[in-house]
Structure formats: structure tokens, C-alpha cells
PDB file of all heavy atoms in Angstrom:
ATOM      1  N   ALA A   1     -98.440-151.887  34.340  1.00  0.00           N
ATOM      2  CA  ALA A   1     -98.159-153.275  34.620  1.00  0.00           C
ATOM      3  C   ALA A   1     -97.117-153.788  33.585  1.00  0.00           C
ATOM      4  O   ALA A   1     -97.094-153.314  32.484  1.00  0.00           O
ATOM      5  CB  ALA A   1     -99.404-154.151  34.534  1.00  0.00           C
ATOM      6  N   ALA A   2     -96.299-154.743  34.115  1.00  0.00           N
ATOM      7  CA  ALA A   2     -95.324-155.279  33.153  1.00  0.00           C
ATOM      8  C   ALA A   2     -95.190-156.814  33.397  1.00  0.00           C
ATOM      9  O   ALA A   2     -95.499-157.315  34.532  1.00  0.00           O
ATOM     10  CB  ALA A   2     -93.915-154.625  33.419  1.00  0.00           C
ATOM     11  N   ILE A   3     -94.697-157.469  32.419  1.00  0.00           N
ATOM     12  CA  ILE A   3     -94.536-158.938  32.490  1.00  0.00           C
ATOM     13  C   ILE A   3     -93.160-159.260  31.717  1.00  0.00           C
ATOM     14  O   ILE A   3     -93.005-158.788  30.618  1.00  0.00           O
ATOM     15  CB  ILE A   3     -95.693-159.704  31.957  1.00  0.00           C
ATOM     16  CG1 ILE A   3     -95.538-161.217  32.162  1.00  0.00           C
ATOM     17  CG2 ILE A   3     -95.933-159.402  30.464  1.00  0.00           C
ATOM     18  CD1 ILE A   3     -96.781-162.002  31.970  1.00  0.00           C
ATOM     19  N   THR A   4     -92.330-159.937  32.410  1.00  0.00           N
ATOM     20  CA  THR A   4     -91.094-160.338  31.767  1.00  0.00           C
ATOM     21  C   THR A   4     -91.236-161.551  30.803  1.00  0.00           C
ATOM     22  O   THR A   4     -92.280-162.218  30.785  1.00  0.00           O
ATOM     23  CB  THR A   4     -90.021-160.711  32.821  1.00  0.00           C
ATOM     24  OG1 THR A   4     -90.425-161.978  33.505  1.00  0.00           O
ATOM     25  CG2 THR A   4     -89.897-159.651  33.837  1.00  0.00           C
ATOM     26  N   SER A   5     -90.138-161.829  30.100  1.00  0.00           N
ATOM     27  CA  SER A   5     -90.306-163.037  29.255  1.00  0.00           C
ATOM     28  C   SER A   5     -90.409-164.365  30.009  1.00  0.00           C
ATOM     29  O   SER A   5     -91.028-165.310  29.579  1.00  0.00           O
ATOM     30  CB  SER A   5     -88.965-163.199  28.354  1.00  0.00           C
ATOM     31  OG  SER A   5     -87.783-163.238  29.179  1.00  0.00           O
ATOM     32  N   GLY A   6     -90.065-164.305  31.266  1.00  0.00           N
ATOM     33  CA  GLY A   6     -90.204-165.488  32.171  1.00  0.00           C
ATOM     34  C   GLY A   6     -91.561-165.611  32.859  1.00  0.00           C
ATOM     35  O   GLY A   6     -91.838-166.463  33.601  1.00  0.00           O
ATOM     36  N   GLY A   7     -92.328-164.490  32.740  1.00  0.00           N
ATOM     37  CA  GLY A   7     -93.692-164.445  33.301  1.00  0.00           C
ATOM     38  C   GLY A   7     -93.818-163.695  34.558  1.00  0.00           C
ATOM     39  O   GLY A   7     -94.901-163.639  35.153  1.00  0.00           O
ATOM     40  N   SER A   8     -92.749-163.084  35.115  1.00  0.00           N
ATOM     41  CA  SER A   8     -92.788-162.288  36.295  1.00  0.00           C
ATOM     42  C   SER A   8     -93.542-161.077  36.005  1.00  0.00           C
ATOM     43  O   SER A   8     -93.317-160.425  34.990  1.00  0.00           O
ATOM     44  CB  SER A   8     -91.455-161.982  36.885  1.00  0.00           C
ATOM     45  OG  SER A   8     -90.733-163.250  37.241  1.00  0.00           O
ATOM     46  N   THR A   9     -94.344-160.583  36.961  1.00  0.00           N
ATOM     47  CA  THR A   9     -95.157-159.418  36.841  1.00  0.00           C
ATOM     48  C   THR A   9     -94.900-158.398  37.881  1.00  0.00           C
ATOM     49  O   THR A   9     -94.509-158.768  39.012  1.00  0.00           O
ATOM     50  CB  THR A   9     -96.645-159.804  36.775  1.00  0.00           C
ATOM     51  OG1 THR A   9     -97.008-160.430  38.108  1.00  0.00           O
ATOM     52  CG2 THR A   9     -97.028-160.751  35.690  1.00  0.00           C
ATOM     53  N   ASN A  10     -95.161-157.178  37.597  1.00  0.00           N
ATOM     54  CA  ASN A  10     -95.252-156.111  38.637  1.00  0.00           C
ATOM     55  C   ASN A  10     -96.308-155.145  38.138  1.00  0.00           C
ATOM     56  O   ASN A  10     -96.651-154.902  36.984  1.00  0.00           O
ATOM     57  CB  ASN A  10     -93.893-155.419  38.772  1.00  0.00           C
ATOM     58  CG  ASN A  10     -93.416-154.690  37.626  1.00  0.00           C
ATOM     59  OD1 ASN A  10     -92.886-155.194  36.642  1.00  0.00           O
ATOM     60  ND2 ASN A  10     -93.491-153.336  37.696  1.00  0.00           N
ATOM     61  N   TYR A  11     -96.854-154.438  39.107  1.00  0.00           N
ATOM     62  CA  TYR A  11     -97.967-153.490  38.981  1.00  0.00           C
ATOM     63  C   TYR A  11     -97.686-152.139  39.696  1.00  0.00           C
ATOM     64  O   TYR A  11     -97.069-152.102  40.763  1.00  0.00           O
ATOM     65  CB  TYR A  11     -99.234-154.147  39.503  1.00  0.00           C
ATOM     66  CG  TYR A  11     -99.715-155.381  38.838  1.00  0.00           C
ATOM     67  CD1 TYR A  11     -99.239-156.617  39.317  1.00  0.00           C
ATOM     68  CD2 TYR A  11    -100.498-155.407  37.695  1.00  0.00           C
ATOM     69  CE1 TYR A  11     -99.558-157.821  38.691  1.00  0.00           C
ATOM     70  CE2 TYR A  11    -100.831-156.540  37.073  1.00  0.00           C
ATOM     71  CZ  TYR A  11    -100.386-157.776  37.511  1.00  0.00           C
ATOM     72  OH  TYR A  11    -100.764-158.912  36.927  1.00  0.00           O
ATOM     73  N   ALA A  12     -98.379-151.150  39.089  1.00  0.00           N
ATOM     74  CA  ALA A  12     -98.392-149.934  39.892  1.00  0.00           C
ATOM     75  C   ALA A  12     -99.261-150.028  41.052  1.00  0.00           C
ATOM     76  O   ALA A  12    -100.288-150.877  41.034  1.00  0.00           O
ATOM     77  CB  ALA A  12     -99.023-148.777  38.953  1.00  0.00           C
ATOM     78  N   ASP A  13     -98.926-149.371  42.189  1.00  0.00           N
ATOM     79  CA  ASP A  13     -99.774-149.520  43.399  1.00  0.00           C
ATOM     80  C   ASP A  13    -101.263-149.218  43.143  1.00  0.00           C
ATOM     81  O   ASP A  13    -102.105-149.858  43.806  1.00  0.00           O
ATOM     82  CB  ASP A  13     -99.241-148.628  44.423  1.00  0.00           C
ATOM     83  CG  ASP A  13     -97.845-149.163  45.071  1.00  0.00           C
ATOM     84  OD1 ASP A  13     -97.547-150.262  44.765  1.00  0.00           O
ATOM     85  OD2 ASP A  13     -97.172-148.313  45.691  1.00  0.00           O
ATOM     86  N   SER A  14    -101.475-148.288  42.292  1.00  0.00           N
ATOM     87  CA  SER A  14    -102.897-147.775  42.057  1.00  0.00           C
ATOM     88  C   SER A  14    -103.769-148.878  41.369  1.00  0.00           C
ATOM     89  O   SER A  14    -104.946-148.781  41.434  1.00  0.00           O
ATOM     90  CB  SER A  14    -102.849-146.538  41.170  1.00  0.00           C
ATOM     91  OG  SER A  14    -102.279-146.844  39.972  1.00  0.00           O
ATOM     92  N   VAL A  15    -103.157-149.878  40.805  1.00  0.00           N
ATOM     93  CA  VAL A  15    -104.007-150.883  40.065  1.00  0.00           C
ATOM     94  C   VAL A  15    -103.871-152.296  40.665  1.00  0.00           C
ATOM     95  O   VAL A  15    -104.499-153.277  40.201  1.00  0.00           O
ATOM     96  CB  VAL A  15    -103.647-150.962  38.580  1.00  0.00           C
ATOM     97  CG1 VAL A  15    -103.725-149.597  37.959  1.00  0.00           C
ATOM     98  CG2 VAL A  15    -102.259-151.608  38.364  1.00  0.00           C
ATOM     99  N   LYS A  16    -103.013-152.471  41.721  1.00  0.00           N
ATOM    100  CA  LYS A  16    -102.809-153.820  42.340  1.00  0.00           C
ATOM    101  C   LYS A  16    -104.077-154.320  42.901  1.00  0.00           C
ATOM    102  O   LYS A  16    -104.903-153.607  43.509  1.00  0.00           O
ATOM    103  CB  LYS A  16    -101.768-153.690  43.442  1.00  0.00           C
ATOM    104  CG  LYS A  16    -100.347-153.670  42.965  1.00  0.00           C
ATOM    105  CD  LYS A  16     -99.372-153.548  44.197  1.00  0.00           C
ATOM    106  CE  LYS A  16     -97.900-153.530  43.687  1.00  0.00           C
ATOM    107  NZ  LYS A  16     -96.964-153.301  44.833  1.00  0.00           N
ATOM    108  N   GLY A  17    -104.353-155.572  42.587  1.00  0.00           N
ATOM    109  CA  GLY A  17    -105.618-156.242  42.997  1.00  0.00           C
ATOM    110  C   GLY A  17    -106.781-156.006  42.060  1.00  0.00           C
ATOM    111  O   GLY A  17    -107.849-156.547  42.243  1.00  0.00           O
ATOM    112  N   ARG A  18    -106.596-155.099  41.113  1.00  0.00           N
ATOM    113  CA  ARG A  18    -107.670-154.813  40.204  1.00  0.00           C
ATOM    114  C   ARG A  18    -107.316-155.159  38.713  1.00  0.00           C
ATOM    115  O   ARG A  18    -108.250-155.654  37.977  1.00  0.00           O
ATOM    116  CB  ARG A  18    -108.049-153.323  40.180  1.00  0.00           C
ATOM    117  CG  ARG A  18    -108.548-152.874  41.500  1.00  0.00           C
ATOM    118  CD  ARG A  18    -109.134-151.395  41.390  1.00  0.00           C
ATOM    119  NE  ARG A  18    -108.144-150.462  41.020  1.00  0.00           N
ATOM    120  CZ  ARG A  18    -108.194-149.658  39.947  1.00  0.00           C
ATOM    121  NH1 ARG A  18    -109.240-149.711  39.198  1.00  0.00           N
ATOM    122  NH2 ARG A  18    -107.308-148.754  39.650  1.00  0.00           N
ATOM    123  N   PHE A  19    -106.093-155.040  38.344  1.00  0.00           N
ATOM    124  CA  PHE A  19    -105.621-155.331  37.046  1.00  0.00           C
ATOM    125  C   PHE A  19    -104.736-156.567  37.033  1.00  0.00           C
ATOM    126  O   PHE A  19    -103.958-156.760  38.003  1.00  0.00           O
ATOM    127  CB  PHE A  19    -104.820-154.132  36.489  1.00  0.00           C
ATOM    128  CG  PHE A  19    -105.584-152.913  36.150  1.00  0.00           C
ATOM    129  CD1 PHE A  19    -106.874-152.707  36.589  1.00  0.00           C
ATOM    130  CD2 PHE A  19    -105.037-151.768  35.456  1.00  0.00           C
ATOM    131  CE1 PHE A  19    -107.588-151.566  36.344  1.00  0.00           C
ATOM    132  CE2 PHE A  19    -105.686-150.652  35.186  1.00  0.00           C
ATOM    133  CZ  PHE A  19    -106.978-150.541  35.620  1.00  0.00           C
ATOM    134  N   THR A  20    -104.842-157.224  35.862  1.00  0.00           N
ATOM    135  CA  THR A  20    -103.910-158.473  35.735  1.00  0.00           C
ATOM    136  C   THR A  20    -103.296-158.376  34.337  1.00  0.00           C
ATOM    137  O   THR A  20    -104.058-158.354  33.310  1.00  0.00           O
ATOM    138  CB  THR A  20    -104.727-159.789  35.944  1.00  0.00           C
ATOM    139  OG1 THR A  20    -105.317-159.797  37.184  1.00  0.00           O
ATOM    140  CG2 THR A  20    -103.784-160.951  35.801  1.00  0.00           C
ATOM    141  N   ILE A  21    -102.000-158.571  34.242  1.00  0.00           N
ATOM    142  CA  ILE A  21    -101.318-158.646  32.969  1.00  0.00           C
ATOM    143  C   ILE A  21    -101.000-160.109  32.666  1.00  0.00           C
ATOM    144  O   ILE A  21    -100.621-160.807  33.725  1.00  0.00           O
ATOM    145  CB  ILE A  21    -100.068-157.796  32.997  1.00  0.00           C
ATOM    146  CG1 ILE A  21     -99.459-157.726  31.562  1.00  0.00           C
ATOM    147  CG2 ILE A  21     -99.003-158.210  34.025  1.00  0.00           C
ATOM    148  CD1 ILE A  21     -98.310-156.694  31.419  1.00  0.00           C
ATOM    149  N   SER A  22    -101.089-160.508  31.478  1.00  0.00           N
ATOM    150  CA  SER A  22    -100.767-161.906  31.054  1.00  0.00           C
ATOM    151  C   SER A  22    -100.301-161.838  29.643  1.00  0.00           C
ATOM    152  O   SER A  22    -100.465-160.947  28.959  1.00  0.00           O
ATOM    153  CB  SER A  22    -102.017-162.830  31.274  1.00  0.00           C
ATOM    154  OG  SER A  22    -103.074-162.329  30.432  1.00  0.00           O
ATOM    155  N   ARG A  23     -99.698-163.018  29.262  1.00  0.00           N
ATOM    156  CA  ARG A  23     -99.245-163.085  27.860  1.00  0.00           C
ATOM    157  C   ARG A  23     -99.503-164.512  27.351  1.00  0.00           C
ATOM    158  O   ARG A  23     -99.544-165.508  28.045  1.00  0.00           O
ATOM    159  CB  ARG A  23     -97.708-162.840  27.819  1.00  0.00           C
ATOM    160  CG  ARG A  23     -96.808-163.714  28.578  1.00  0.00           C
ATOM    161  CD  ARG A  23     -95.380-163.255  28.635  1.00  0.00           C
ATOM    162  NE  ARG A  23     -94.861-163.028  27.246  1.00  0.00           N
ATOM    163  CZ  ARG A  23     -93.770-162.183  27.102  1.00  0.00           C
ATOM    164  NH1 ARG A  23     -93.274-161.483  27.987  1.00  0.00           N
ATOM    165  NH2 ARG A  23     -93.366-162.127  25.823  1.00  0.00           N
ATOM    166  N   ASP A  24     -99.721-164.551  26.055  1.00  0.00           N
ATOM    167  CA  ASP A  24     -99.971-165.813  25.356  1.00  0.00           C
ATOM    168  C   ASP A  24     -98.878-165.890  24.287  1.00  0.00           C
ATOM    169  O   ASP A  24     -99.055-165.199  23.240  1.00  0.00           O
ATOM    170  CB  ASP A  24    -101.341-165.902  24.791  1.00  0.00           C
ATOM    171  CG  ASP A  24    -101.686-167.272  24.134  1.00  0.00           C
ATOM    172  OD1 ASP A  24    -100.676-167.943  23.713  1.00  0.00           O
ATOM    173  OD2 ASP A  24    -102.802-167.618  24.063  1.00  0.00           O
TER     174      ASP A  24
END
């Protein structure tokens, strides 16, 4: 999973719907 400086995210197909990336 990845998250940009602007907060956009993307995930591997194998983890979509199960994993969540976030930043503080």
C-alpha cells in the first residue's frame, strides 16, 4: 500500500478491502 503527501492511496489487489494505509 502507498499514500502520497496529498493523501491519495493505492493498494495491491491482494489486500484491497482488508488493509488500510493512513498517515498522521
